Every structure is written in structure tokens, then in C-alpha cells.
Amino acid sequence: MNFVQLEFPLFMVVVFTTYWLLRDRRWQNALLVMASALFYGWVHPWFLTLLGFSAVLDYTIGRTMGKYPAYRPYLVVLSLIGNLGVLGFFKYFNFFIVNIKGAFLLAGLETDLRTLDILLPVGVSFYTFQTMSYTIDIYRGELKPRTNFLDYLVYVSFFPQLVAGPIERAGRLLPQVERDRVFSWDRIISGFSLAWWGAFKKIVIADTLASFVDKIFILGDPSGPEVWAGCIAFTVQIFADFSGYTDMARGTARMLGFELVENFKSPFLATSTPDFWQRWHISLSQWIRDYIMVPLLGTGRVTTFRYIYAALITFTLIGFWHGASWNFVLFGFYHGLWICVYRFVELYMPKRVSSIPGAKWFAVVFHLCAVAVPGSLLFRETSLERILYAVQLNPFYAEPDQWIAATTVVGVTTIFAAPLILSHFVEHHWWDRLRKSAFWWPLQTTTWSALALVMALFYRDTSYDFIYFQF
């Protein structure tokens, strides 16, 4: 099940009503586990087996670490092998088989290796990272192992953020699971508003742009302007799609008394690549930073070589996390290179440069054009041959019909990006003033109604899946 299926509102009404009628936290947690199992196993019930394996593995390892602390190094390795083994088999097995066969063929050798018809379980990359962080934090002494399996299951399987994040840490989410939740109309209204806005971003903005983007990327012989118009549209599409899911997850969780971590902070206003990754998919970038990049940097003085080494490995892994394809590896490596470039710019550029009028906006536009939009090409186009073809095209040459197509895509993208831009200004400049206004409640209900009307007009039975479901 997903948030924009017609079945979900009914599911949510039943869960929400029953949840708050139960009052007792233990019964509420039992309901959340059952609701999460129904939500996750709606189409493929066997997915629950894999989720259950990861949950039991790390719960058992966590308990064992508490009883036998001397064996923690071996136990955390066991957790990593189990979780990464599951992730590697279901997500990367075919990728490695195909590339091993290709390497042998280049050497003139035939092999009998075969790929498997493996269905990637939705959300496996998210919940394996979440369960791994539980055992790693226990190993580090930052978290005490839990003895209540029901509470732990809520942490692992909480349906709002199960299949596409945000990736929660045990130290943040488990305390919320273990304490009583208080019914609050303010939080419920706030959560509903956030979820409703997320649904609008997905149904109206992301899914509408997706049809234009798909048409660009299936062209056999596109022009440069068409390719880059498609990349601009995809940049807005993926933001609306993924941040829309996050808003629905955070809003739904808030209606049930939980507060999930913020995952986006105006990423396309980033002035540098390090700044971008502090704004985009924050829960993943912080996970990778804390569990991979910081250990790679080590303690003591960080040399230039070590920083480059750590950054390139870290961001290549971020790219590979997104999918078993070379374009994702290239996407991560590209961002890693820019991380290194900006590191040296920050070290050696005179401080007074940042005080030049307009410097900030120049930095924003430069990063958007040099990093974000080209990164979208690497993310969206899975064929390395087509990526190479696209970057060789003249971005300013096209036939008249192609110019019309490219201009149309950019125009449509601009129109559908307008609500995102408006929401940014409302949130950062007018929000407090509006909340204190006497017109706040009628303004809020009118906005809900307007969003509902537009969503009803744009809703399609063949709605696109959330992009991050494939990861």
C-alpha cells in the first residue's frame, strides 16, 4: 500500500480512530505493528518475512551484546553480515553477476553464471539501515539494548516511514515508542496539513511532470535543449515526489503522536555541494556521515589525501545505495568530486568574497546548474551510453520543433514549481504572522479544500509509484 492509493484514507481513518480510542500505550503499539504489517504486506505478503528476519536478527544481537559485552565486536560484525547480506542479495546480486560475466567476456572467456528473477522488496534499503544503526549504536555504547520486543518492532516497522524513510535512529524514535502519546488537536491538524500538502506535491506536481520527463528520456535522438529541459523537469519532479512522501510520512506520524526527523530543507537553495547534502535526504546523509565518513576520516589531523579518499568512497556508496546500476555509482562519484572541490574552495577562497553583493545567489545558481541538474541526468538516465551521448550534445542547438518541445517542458516545469516556491516564502516569511491572524482557521480550511479539488482533477488511476520505492 502507499499513501496515494484510494485504500489508504480508509486504512488511516480506521487506524487513527482505533489507535486513539485504545489509550493504553501497549495496545496502541500492538495496533501499530499489525497496521504496519497490513500496510507493508498489502501487495506482497512475503516481504514481511524479510522484514521479520532483519528485526529478529538485530533485536537478538542487541540483547546478546547487553549480556556479553566482551563479544560486541563479533556480534556487530554478525549484524553487518546479516543485513548487508540481505541487501546485497536482493538488490545487488544480478548487478554483480552481469558485470562479472561482462568482465570474463572481455577476457575472451565464457561463463555459466546466470542472473536470478529477484523481486526487490520495497524499502529494504531503508529498514536495513535502520536496524543496523540500532546494533551499531549499542556496540558504540550510545544506546542500551531493548528488552521489549513489541516496542522494538514498532521502531523497525512503523508504517509511515517504513518504505521510503526518513531513516530514523533508535535513540530518537524508540523513546517516542516507549512513552505515552498525548492526544492533541493542534498536532493532528498540523499533521493533516503536512500530509495533505505532501499528497498535493506527489499527485499534482511530481506525477504531472513525470509524464513530460518520460517522453524526453525515451526519445531516440533528442537535442541538447530537450535533454537539459528534461533534466530540469526531473530535478523538480524528484524533489516534489520524495519530499512529498516525507511530508506524508511526517504528517501521518504526527497525527499518531510521533515526530519524525526532517528530511529536506530547501535543497535547491544550497550554495555548495556540502550544503546541499545537509538539506537533501538529510536522514541518509547523516547516517552515511556518522557510520561511514567519520570512521574513514579517523581521529587526529585530517590530511588532504584522507579527506579526498573518505569523501569519494562515502559519496560513491551513497550513489550505489540508490540502485544497482553504474549511473548511480557515477552520480555518487560526481557529487563526491564536487564535495572535494568545495572543500578546497572553502579553505583557500578569501573570506571577503562571500560578502560581495549577490555572491550568495550566484553560488546558488552555479550549484544548481553545475551540480544539481547534471546530477539529475546521472540519476535519471540508466544507460551510460546515453549519458555520454547527452553530455556531448550542444545544449544550444535544436531544430525548431525541438525548441518548441524543450520550451514547453521548461514552461510547464516553471508553472508546477510555482507552488513549491510560494510555499517556501509562506513558511519562511509569513507563517508566524498567518498563524496569529484571526483568518488562520478559514484560510487553512480553504487551502485544504483547494488542494483537494486540484488533486481530484489531477488524480490518475495509473499513478506513478514514488521514485524512492525502487531503492
Protein backbone atom coordinates (compact mmCIF):
# COMPACT_ATOMS: atom_id res chain seq x y z
CA MET A 1 0.00 0.00 0.00
CA ASN A 2 1.13 3.56 -0.48
CA PHE A 3 -0.08 6.97 0.62
CA VAL A 4 -1.80 7.93 -2.64
CA GLN A 5 -3.80 4.73 -3.12
CA LEU A 6 -7.54 5.16 -2.67
CA GLU A 7 -7.46 2.47 0.03
CA PHE A 8 -5.09 4.44 2.25
CA PRO A 9 -7.55 7.11 3.53
CA LEU A 10 -9.89 4.35 4.77
CA PHE A 11 -6.95 2.46 6.28
CA MET A 12 -5.76 5.63 8.04
CA VAL A 13 -9.23 6.52 9.37
CA VAL A 14 -9.61 3.04 10.91
CA VAL A 15 -6.10 3.02 12.38
CA PHE A 16 -6.31 6.61 13.65
CA THR A 17 -9.71 6.14 15.32
CA THR A 18 -8.88 2.79 16.91
CA TYR A 19 -5.45 4.00 18.00
CA TRP A 20 -6.72 6.96 20.00
CA LEU A 21 -9.66 5.00 21.43
CA LEU A 22 -7.27 2.40 22.87
CA ARG A 23 -5.45 4.98 25.01
CA ASP A 24 -3.12 2.39 26.58
CA ARG A 25 0.32 2.67 25.00
CA ARG A 26 0.91 -1.09 24.89
CA TRP A 27 -2.30 -1.69 22.94
CA GLN A 28 -1.53 1.25 20.70
CA ASN A 29 1.90 -0.24 19.91
CA ALA A 30 0.34 -3.64 19.19
CA LEU A 31 -2.07 -1.93 16.78
CA LEU A 32 0.80 -0.11 15.06
CA VAL A 33 2.64 -3.40 14.49
CA MET A 34 -0.48 -5.01 12.98
CA ALA A 35 -1.27 -1.93 10.89
CA SER A 36 2.33 -1.79 9.65
CA ALA A 37 2.20 -5.47 8.67
CA LEU A 38 -1.00 -4.87 6.69
CA PHE A 39 0.43 -1.72 5.07
CA TYR A 40 3.73 -3.35 4.08
CA GLY A 41 2.35 -6.75 3.08
CA TRP A 42 -0.64 -5.37 1.17
CA VAL A 43 0.61 -6.48 -2.28
CA HIS A 44 3.44 -8.91 -1.43
CA PRO A 45 2.90 -10.55 1.99
CA TRP A 46 6.22 -12.39 1.69
CA PHE A 47 8.01 -9.05 2.14
CA LEU A 48 7.09 -9.39 5.82
CA THR A 49 9.35 -12.44 6.12
CA LEU A 50 12.41 -10.42 5.16
CA LEU A 51 11.43 -7.54 7.43
CA GLY A 52 10.89 -10.00 10.27
CA PHE A 53 14.31 -11.56 9.69
CA SER A 54 16.09 -8.20 9.93
CA ALA A 55 14.10 -7.24 13.02
CA VAL A 56 14.72 -10.52 14.89
CA LEU A 57 18.39 -10.61 13.90
CA ASP A 58 19.24 -7.20 15.30
CA TYR A 59 16.99 -7.49 18.34
CA THR A 60 18.68 -10.77 19.27
CA ILE A 61 22.15 -9.38 18.63
CA GLY A 62 21.35 -6.29 20.69
CA ARG A 63 20.17 -8.39 23.65
CA THR A 64 23.24 -10.60 23.36
CA MET A 65 25.54 -7.56 23.35
CA GLY A 66 23.94 -6.47 26.61
CA LYS A 67 24.56 -9.86 28.24
CA TYR A 68 28.03 -10.48 26.80
CA PRO A 69 29.68 -7.10 26.21
CA ALA A 70 33.07 -8.71 25.55
CA TYR A 71 31.67 -10.19 22.34
CA ARG A 72 30.30 -6.92 20.98
CA PRO A 73 32.87 -6.59 18.14
CA TYR A 74 31.98 -10.05 16.81
CA LEU A 75 28.26 -9.51 17.24
CA VAL A 76 28.22 -6.19 15.39
CA VAL A 77 30.07 -7.87 12.51
CA LEU A 78 27.38 -10.56 12.51
CA SER A 79 24.73 -7.85 12.28
CA LEU A 80 26.52 -6.20 9.37
CA ILE A 81 26.93 -9.52 7.55
CA GLY A 82 23.25 -10.40 8.03
CA ASN A 83 21.84 -7.05 6.98
CA LEU A 84 24.27 -6.32 4.17
CA GLY A 85 23.88 -9.92 3.01
CA VAL A 86 20.12 -9.45 2.64
CA LEU A 87 20.61 -6.09 0.93
CA GLY A 88 23.37 -7.44 -1.31
CA PHE A 89 21.43 -10.49 -2.45
CA PHE A 90 18.11 -8.86 -3.23
CA LYS A 91 19.43 -5.56 -4.55
CA TYR A 92 22.90 -6.18 -5.99
CA PHE A 93 23.20 -9.89 -6.88
CA ASN A 94 22.14 -9.51 -10.51
CA PHE A 95 24.28 -6.38 -10.92
CA PHE A 96 27.43 -8.21 -9.87
CA ILE A 97 26.61 -11.29 -11.96
CA VAL A 98 26.08 -9.19 -15.11
CA ASN A 99 29.33 -7.29 -14.58
CA ILE A 100 31.36 -10.41 -13.75
CA LYS A 101 30.09 -12.04 -16.95
CA GLY A 102 30.97 -8.91 -18.87
CA ALA A 103 34.50 -8.90 -17.45
CA PHE A 104 35.02 -12.54 -18.43
CA LEU A 105 33.71 -11.87 -21.93
CA LEU A 106 36.19 -9.02 -22.34
CA ALA A 107 38.91 -11.51 -21.43
CA GLY A 108 37.56 -13.91 -24.05
CA LEU A 109 36.12 -16.37 -21.53
CA GLU A 110 32.61 -17.84 -21.43
CA THR A 111 30.91 -18.37 -18.06
CA ASP A 112 27.83 -20.23 -16.89
CA LEU A 113 26.78 -17.52 -14.46
CA ARG A 114 23.09 -16.62 -14.56
CA THR A 115 21.03 -13.85 -13.09
CA LEU A 116 18.04 -14.61 -10.89
CA ASP A 117 14.47 -13.39 -11.21
CA ILE A 118 14.58 -11.48 -7.91
CA LEU A 119 11.88 -9.01 -6.89
CA LEU A 120 13.40 -6.19 -4.85
CA PRO A 121 11.43 -5.81 -1.59
CA VAL A 122 10.15 -2.26 -1.21
CA GLY A 123 12.02 -0.26 1.41
CA VAL A 124 14.73 -2.87 2.08
CA SER A 125 17.49 -0.23 1.86
CA PHE A 126 15.70 1.91 4.45
CA TYR A 127 14.83 -0.62 7.14
CA THR A 128 18.15 -2.50 6.94
CA PHE A 129 19.97 0.79 7.61
CA GLN A 130 17.59 1.46 10.48
CA THR A 131 18.10 -1.92 12.14
CA MET A 132 21.88 -1.79 11.58
CA SER A 133 22.10 1.59 13.29
CA TYR A 134 20.43 0.02 16.35
CA THR A 135 23.17 -2.59 16.81
CA ILE A 136 25.98 -0.19 15.85
CA ASP A 137 24.81 2.32 18.48
CA ILE A 138 24.69 -0.46 21.11
CA TYR A 139 28.19 -1.52 20.09
CA ARG A 140 29.42 2.06 20.50
CA GLY A 141 27.80 2.34 23.92
CA GLU A 142 25.44 5.10 22.73
CA LEU A 143 22.27 3.03 23.23
CA LYS A 144 21.07 0.43 25.69
CA PRO A 145 19.63 -2.80 24.24
CA ARG A 146 15.86 -3.02 24.48
CA THR A 147 14.08 -5.91 26.18
CA ASN A 148 10.54 -5.17 24.97
CA PHE A 149 10.24 -6.80 21.55
CA LEU A 150 6.90 -5.14 20.78
CA ASP A 151 8.33 -1.64 21.24
CA TYR A 152 11.32 -2.60 19.12
CA LEU A 153 9.02 -3.89 16.35
CA VAL A 154 7.24 -0.54 16.24
CA TYR A 155 10.61 1.15 15.76
CA VAL A 156 11.54 -1.18 12.89
CA SER A 157 8.18 -1.39 11.11
CA PHE A 158 6.44 1.94 11.81
CA PHE A 159 4.36 2.20 8.63
CA PRO A 160 4.57 5.97 7.89
CA GLN A 161 8.33 5.80 7.33
CA LEU A 162 8.88 2.10 6.64
CA VAL A 163 9.27 2.00 2.87
CA ALA A 164 10.92 5.33 1.96
CA GLY A 165 12.14 6.92 5.17
CA PRO A 166 13.09 9.16 6.76
CA ILE A 167 15.70 6.76 8.18
CA GLU A 168 15.19 7.06 11.92
CA ARG A 169 17.74 6.34 14.64
CA ALA A 170 16.82 4.18 17.60
CA GLY A 171 17.98 6.87 20.02
CA ARG A 172 15.42 9.25 18.58
CA LEU A 173 12.40 7.10 17.68
CA LEU A 174 12.47 4.40 20.38
CA PRO A 175 11.93 6.86 23.28
CA GLN A 176 8.80 8.08 21.47
CA VAL A 177 7.60 4.48 21.12
CA GLU A 178 8.24 3.78 24.81
CA ARG A 179 6.37 6.74 26.26
CA ASP A 180 2.67 7.58 26.33
CA ARG A 181 1.37 9.71 23.49
CA VAL A 182 -0.99 12.57 24.27
CA PHE A 183 -3.96 13.38 22.04
CA SER A 184 -3.57 16.92 20.71
CA TRP A 185 -5.84 18.61 18.18
CA ASP A 186 -3.09 21.08 17.30
CA ARG A 187 -0.68 18.26 16.38
CA ILE A 188 -3.39 16.36 14.50
CA ILE A 189 -4.35 19.41 12.42
CA SER A 190 -0.69 20.23 11.82
CA GLY A 191 -0.01 16.62 10.79
CA PHE A 192 -3.01 16.52 8.48
CA SER A 193 -1.96 19.78 6.82
CA LEU A 194 1.57 18.49 6.25
CA ALA A 195 0.35 15.16 4.86
CA TRP A 196 -2.19 16.90 2.61
CA TRP A 197 0.49 19.20 1.21
CA GLY A 198 2.72 16.17 0.60
CA ALA A 199 -0.07 14.43 -1.30
CA PHE A 200 -0.51 17.55 -3.45
CA LYS A 201 3.21 17.61 -4.28
CA LYS A 202 3.09 13.97 -5.35
CA ILE A 203 -0.22 13.84 -7.26
CA VAL A 204 -0.24 17.25 -8.89
CA ILE A 205 3.40 18.27 -9.30
CA ALA A 206 5.53 15.11 -9.42
CA ASP A 207 3.17 12.87 -11.39
CA THR A 208 2.33 15.59 -13.92
CA LEU A 209 5.98 16.38 -14.59
CA ALA A 210 6.80 12.65 -14.75
CA SER A 211 4.83 12.26 -17.98
CA PHE A 212 6.84 15.06 -19.64
CA VAL A 213 10.16 13.74 -18.31
CA ASP A 214 9.41 10.22 -19.54
CA LYS A 215 8.65 11.49 -23.03
CA ILE A 216 12.00 13.30 -23.16
CA PHE A 217 14.04 10.34 -21.95
CA ILE A 218 12.53 7.83 -24.37
CA LEU A 219 13.40 9.94 -27.41
CA GLY A 220 15.80 8.10 -29.68
CA ASP A 221 17.61 11.19 -30.92
CA PRO A 222 16.92 14.13 -28.58
CA SER A 223 18.52 17.53 -28.97
CA GLY A 224 20.64 19.18 -26.30
CA PRO A 225 17.90 21.64 -25.24
CA GLU A 226 15.40 18.77 -24.92
CA VAL A 227 17.75 16.72 -22.76
CA TRP A 228 18.50 19.57 -20.38
CA ALA A 229 14.86 20.65 -20.27
CA GLY A 230 14.06 17.07 -19.23
CA CYS A 231 16.77 17.22 -16.57
CA ILE A 232 15.37 20.47 -15.16
CA ALA A 233 11.89 18.96 -15.06
CA PHE A 234 13.21 15.80 -13.39
CA THR A 235 15.01 17.89 -10.76
CA VAL A 236 11.68 19.41 -9.74
CA GLN A 237 9.85 16.08 -10.14
CA ILE A 238 12.11 14.08 -7.85
CA PHE A 239 12.05 16.80 -5.20
CA ALA A 240 8.25 17.00 -5.25
CA ASP A 241 7.99 13.20 -5.28
CA PHE A 242 10.41 12.41 -2.46
CA SER A 243 9.73 15.42 -0.24
CA GLY A 244 6.03 14.78 -0.83
CA TYR A 245 6.44 11.26 0.55
CA THR A 246 8.41 12.61 3.52
CA ASP A 247 5.71 15.19 4.26
CA MET A 248 3.04 12.50 4.20
CA ALA A 249 5.15 10.26 6.43
CA ARG A 250 5.87 13.03 8.94
CA GLY A 251 2.28 14.28 8.87
CA THR A 252 0.77 10.82 9.35
CA ALA A 253 3.21 10.06 12.18
CA ARG A 254 2.42 13.39 13.87
CA MET A 255 -1.29 12.53 13.83
CA LEU A 256 -0.37 9.40 15.81
CA GLY A 257 1.74 11.30 18.34
CA PHE A 258 5.21 10.82 16.78
CA GLU A 259 7.65 13.33 15.36
CA LEU A 260 9.87 12.07 12.55
CA VAL A 261 13.13 13.70 11.56
CA GLU A 262 13.03 16.46 8.95
CA ASN A 263 14.41 15.20 5.63
CA PHE A 264 14.50 18.30 3.40
CA LYS A 265 15.45 21.93 3.99
CA SER A 266 15.13 23.86 0.73
CA PRO A 267 17.89 21.84 -1.01
CA PHE A 268 17.93 23.89 -4.21
CA LEU A 269 18.92 26.98 -2.26
CA ALA A 270 22.20 25.24 -1.37
CA THR A 271 25.30 27.33 -2.06
CA SER A 272 27.63 24.30 -2.27
CA THR A 273 27.54 20.50 -2.50
CA PRO A 274 28.27 20.03 1.25
CA ASP A 275 25.42 22.45 1.93
CA PHE A 276 23.18 20.52 -0.49
CA TRP A 277 23.69 17.24 1.40
CA GLN A 278 22.78 18.97 4.65
CA ARG A 279 19.45 19.85 3.03
CA TRP A 280 18.64 16.84 0.79
CA HIS A 281 17.69 13.40 2.17
CA ILE A 282 19.12 14.53 5.49
CA SER A 283 18.46 11.25 7.30
CA LEU A 284 20.53 9.29 4.75
CA SER A 285 23.39 11.81 4.53
CA GLN A 286 23.66 11.96 8.33
CA TRP A 287 23.58 8.14 8.55
CA ILE A 288 26.36 7.84 5.97
CA ARG A 289 28.33 10.63 7.65
CA ASP A 290 28.17 9.10 11.14
CA TYR A 291 28.70 5.45 10.23
CA ILE A 292 30.98 5.65 7.19
CA MET A 293 32.64 9.02 6.54
CA VAL A 294 33.60 9.86 10.13
CA PRO A 295 35.27 6.44 10.69
CA LEU A 296 37.07 6.82 7.33
CA LEU A 297 38.38 10.25 8.35
CA GLY A 298 39.67 8.76 11.60
CA THR A 299 40.91 10.70 14.58
CA GLY A 300 43.56 13.36 14.65
CA ARG A 301 44.63 15.62 11.83
CA VAL A 302 42.76 15.05 8.55
CA THR A 303 45.15 15.21 5.62
CA THR A 304 44.08 16.33 2.14
CA PHE A 305 44.54 12.81 0.80
CA ARG A 306 42.45 11.26 3.57
CA TYR A 307 39.65 13.78 3.06
CA ILE A 308 39.52 13.09 -0.70
CA TYR A 309 39.66 9.34 -0.08
CA ALA A 310 36.87 9.46 2.53
CA ALA A 311 34.65 11.80 0.50
CA LEU A 312 34.89 9.84 -2.74
CA ILE A 313 34.24 6.49 -1.06
CA THR A 314 31.38 7.89 1.00
CA PHE A 315 29.55 9.53 -1.88
CA THR A 316 30.17 6.67 -4.27
CA LEU A 317 28.49 4.44 -1.68
CA ILE A 318 25.62 6.94 -1.42
CA GLY A 319 25.18 6.63 -5.17
CA PHE A 320 25.38 2.83 -5.07
CA TRP A 321 22.85 2.76 -2.22
CA HIS A 322 20.35 4.33 -4.61
CA GLY A 323 20.48 1.48 -7.08
CA ALA A 324 22.40 -1.40 -8.64
CA SER A 325 23.42 0.47 -11.77
CA TRP A 326 26.57 2.26 -12.93
CA ASN A 327 24.72 5.54 -13.41
CA PHE A 328 24.07 5.69 -9.66
CA VAL A 329 27.73 4.98 -8.93
CA LEU A 330 28.61 7.80 -11.31
CA PHE A 331 26.03 10.06 -9.63
CA GLY A 332 27.62 9.48 -6.23
CA PHE A 333 31.17 9.86 -7.52
CA TYR A 334 30.23 13.12 -9.28
CA HIS A 335 28.87 14.57 -6.04
CA GLY A 336 31.97 13.31 -4.20
CA LEU A 337 34.20 15.20 -6.62
CA TRP A 338 32.26 18.39 -6.02
CA ILE A 339 32.46 17.84 -2.24
CA CYS A 340 36.26 17.87 -2.63
CA VAL A 341 36.19 20.92 -4.92
CA TYR A 342 34.09 22.91 -2.47
CA ARG A 343 36.31 21.78 0.41
CA PHE A 344 39.31 23.43 -1.26
CA VAL A 345 37.27 26.48 -2.24
CA GLU A 346 36.29 26.98 1.40
CA LEU A 347 39.90 26.56 2.55
CA TYR A 348 41.56 28.87 0.06
CA MET A 349 38.96 31.39 -1.08
CA PRO A 350 39.28 34.74 0.73
CA LYS A 351 36.52 35.26 3.29
CA ARG A 352 35.66 38.66 1.87
CA VAL A 353 34.33 37.04 -1.32
CA SER A 354 31.19 35.86 0.50
CA SER A 355 30.38 39.47 1.44
CA ILE A 356 30.24 40.64 -2.19
CA PRO A 357 26.64 41.70 -3.05
CA GLY A 358 24.86 38.88 -4.88
CA ALA A 359 27.59 36.31 -4.10
CA LYS A 360 25.18 34.01 -2.32
CA TRP A 361 22.70 33.94 -5.19
CA PHE A 362 25.48 33.43 -7.70
CA ALA A 363 26.63 30.43 -5.64
CA VAL A 364 23.07 29.05 -5.55
CA VAL A 365 22.61 29.37 -9.32
CA PHE A 366 26.06 27.95 -10.05
CA HIS A 367 25.49 24.89 -7.86
CA LEU A 368 22.08 24.31 -9.39
CA CYS A 369 23.45 24.47 -12.94
CA ALA A 370 26.79 22.72 -12.39
CA VAL A 371 25.87 20.05 -9.85
CA ALA A 372 22.13 19.56 -9.24
CA VAL A 373 20.82 19.48 -12.82
CA PRO A 374 23.72 17.43 -14.29
CA GLY A 375 23.33 15.14 -11.27
CA SER A 376 19.70 14.66 -12.29
CA LEU A 377 20.85 13.40 -15.69
CA LEU A 378 23.11 10.82 -14.00
CA PHE A 379 20.27 9.83 -11.66
CA ARG A 380 17.51 9.55 -14.26
CA GLU A 381 19.31 8.02 -17.24
CA THR A 382 20.41 4.44 -16.50
CA SER A 383 22.33 3.91 -19.76
CA LEU A 384 25.95 5.07 -19.68
CA GLU A 385 25.97 5.26 -23.48
CA ARG A 386 23.02 7.63 -23.49
CA ILE A 387 24.57 9.72 -20.71
CA LEU A 388 27.73 10.08 -22.78
CA TYR A 389 25.63 10.95 -25.83
CA ALA A 390 23.66 13.57 -23.87
CA VAL A 391 26.71 15.40 -22.47
CA GLN A 392 28.22 15.62 -25.97
CA LEU A 393 25.17 17.40 -27.39
CA ASN A 394 25.25 21.13 -27.98
CA PRO A 395 22.89 22.50 -25.30
CA PHE A 396 22.01 25.49 -27.54
CA TYR A 397 21.29 23.76 -30.84
CA ALA A 398 17.99 22.20 -31.85
CA GLU A 399 15.53 22.07 -34.72
CA PRO A 400 12.52 24.43 -34.44
CA ASP A 401 10.20 21.59 -33.33
CA GLN A 402 12.73 20.52 -30.73
CA TRP A 403 13.00 24.06 -29.41
CA ILE A 404 9.22 24.17 -29.06
CA ALA A 405 9.26 20.88 -27.14
CA ALA A 406 12.10 21.99 -24.84
CA THR A 407 10.46 25.38 -24.21
CA THR A 408 7.15 23.70 -23.43
CA VAL A 409 8.76 21.38 -20.87
CA VAL A 410 10.59 24.26 -19.17
CA GLY A 411 7.39 26.33 -19.16
CA VAL A 412 5.33 23.53 -17.63
CA THR A 413 8.07 22.91 -15.07
CA THR A 414 8.07 26.58 -14.11
CA ILE A 415 4.29 26.59 -13.65
CA PHE A 416 4.30 23.48 -11.47
CA ALA A 417 7.33 24.64 -9.48
CA ALA A 418 5.47 27.84 -8.57
CA PRO A 419 3.54 26.25 -5.63
CA LEU A 420 6.84 24.96 -4.20
CA ILE A 421 8.38 28.42 -4.42
CA LEU A 422 5.29 30.03 -2.90
CA SER A 423 5.23 27.51 -0.04
CA HIS A 424 8.86 28.32 0.74
CA PHE A 425 8.10 32.02 1.09
CA VAL A 426 4.99 31.33 3.17
CA GLU A 427 6.88 29.02 5.51
CA HIS A 428 9.90 31.28 5.99
CA HIS A 429 8.39 34.76 5.84
CA TRP A 430 4.64 34.74 6.50
CA TRP A 431 3.94 31.62 8.56
CA ASP A 432 4.11 33.09 12.07
CA ARG A 433 2.09 36.13 11.05
CA LEU A 434 -0.62 33.98 9.44
CA ARG A 435 -0.88 31.64 12.44
CA LYS A 436 -1.56 34.61 14.72
CA SER A 437 -4.14 36.06 12.35
CA ALA A 438 -7.88 35.83 13.00
CA PHE A 439 -8.22 34.40 9.49
CA TRP A 440 -5.94 31.42 10.19
CA TRP A 441 -8.66 28.74 10.52
CA PRO A 442 -10.76 29.77 7.47
CA LEU A 443 -7.55 30.24 5.47
CA GLN A 444 -6.41 26.74 6.47
CA THR A 445 -9.69 25.01 5.62
CA THR A 446 -9.94 26.91 2.33
CA THR A 447 -6.41 25.77 1.44
CA TRP A 448 -7.30 22.14 2.26
CA SER A 449 -10.37 22.38 0.02
CA ALA A 450 -8.44 23.98 -2.83
CA LEU A 451 -5.72 21.32 -2.64
CA ALA A 452 -8.36 18.57 -2.57
CA LEU A 453 -10.09 19.99 -5.65
CA VAL A 454 -6.83 20.23 -7.62
CA MET A 455 -5.79 16.73 -6.54
CA ALA A 456 -9.15 15.34 -7.65
CA LEU A 457 -8.66 16.96 -11.06
CA PHE A 458 -5.12 15.65 -11.47
CA TYR A 459 -5.52 12.22 -9.88
CA ARG A 460 -4.98 9.32 -12.27
CA ASP A 461 -5.68 5.62 -11.71
CA THR A 462 -2.28 4.77 -13.19
CA SER A 463 -0.45 6.92 -10.65
CA TYR A 464 3.33 6.69 -10.70
CA ASP A 465 5.00 4.91 -7.80
CA PHE A 466 7.14 7.02 -5.53
CA ILE A 467 10.60 7.18 -7.09
CA TYR A 468 12.37 6.11 -3.91
CA PHE A 469 10.31 2.90 -3.66
CA GLN A 470 12.82 1.34 -6.06
CA PHE A 471 15.60 1.89 -3.52
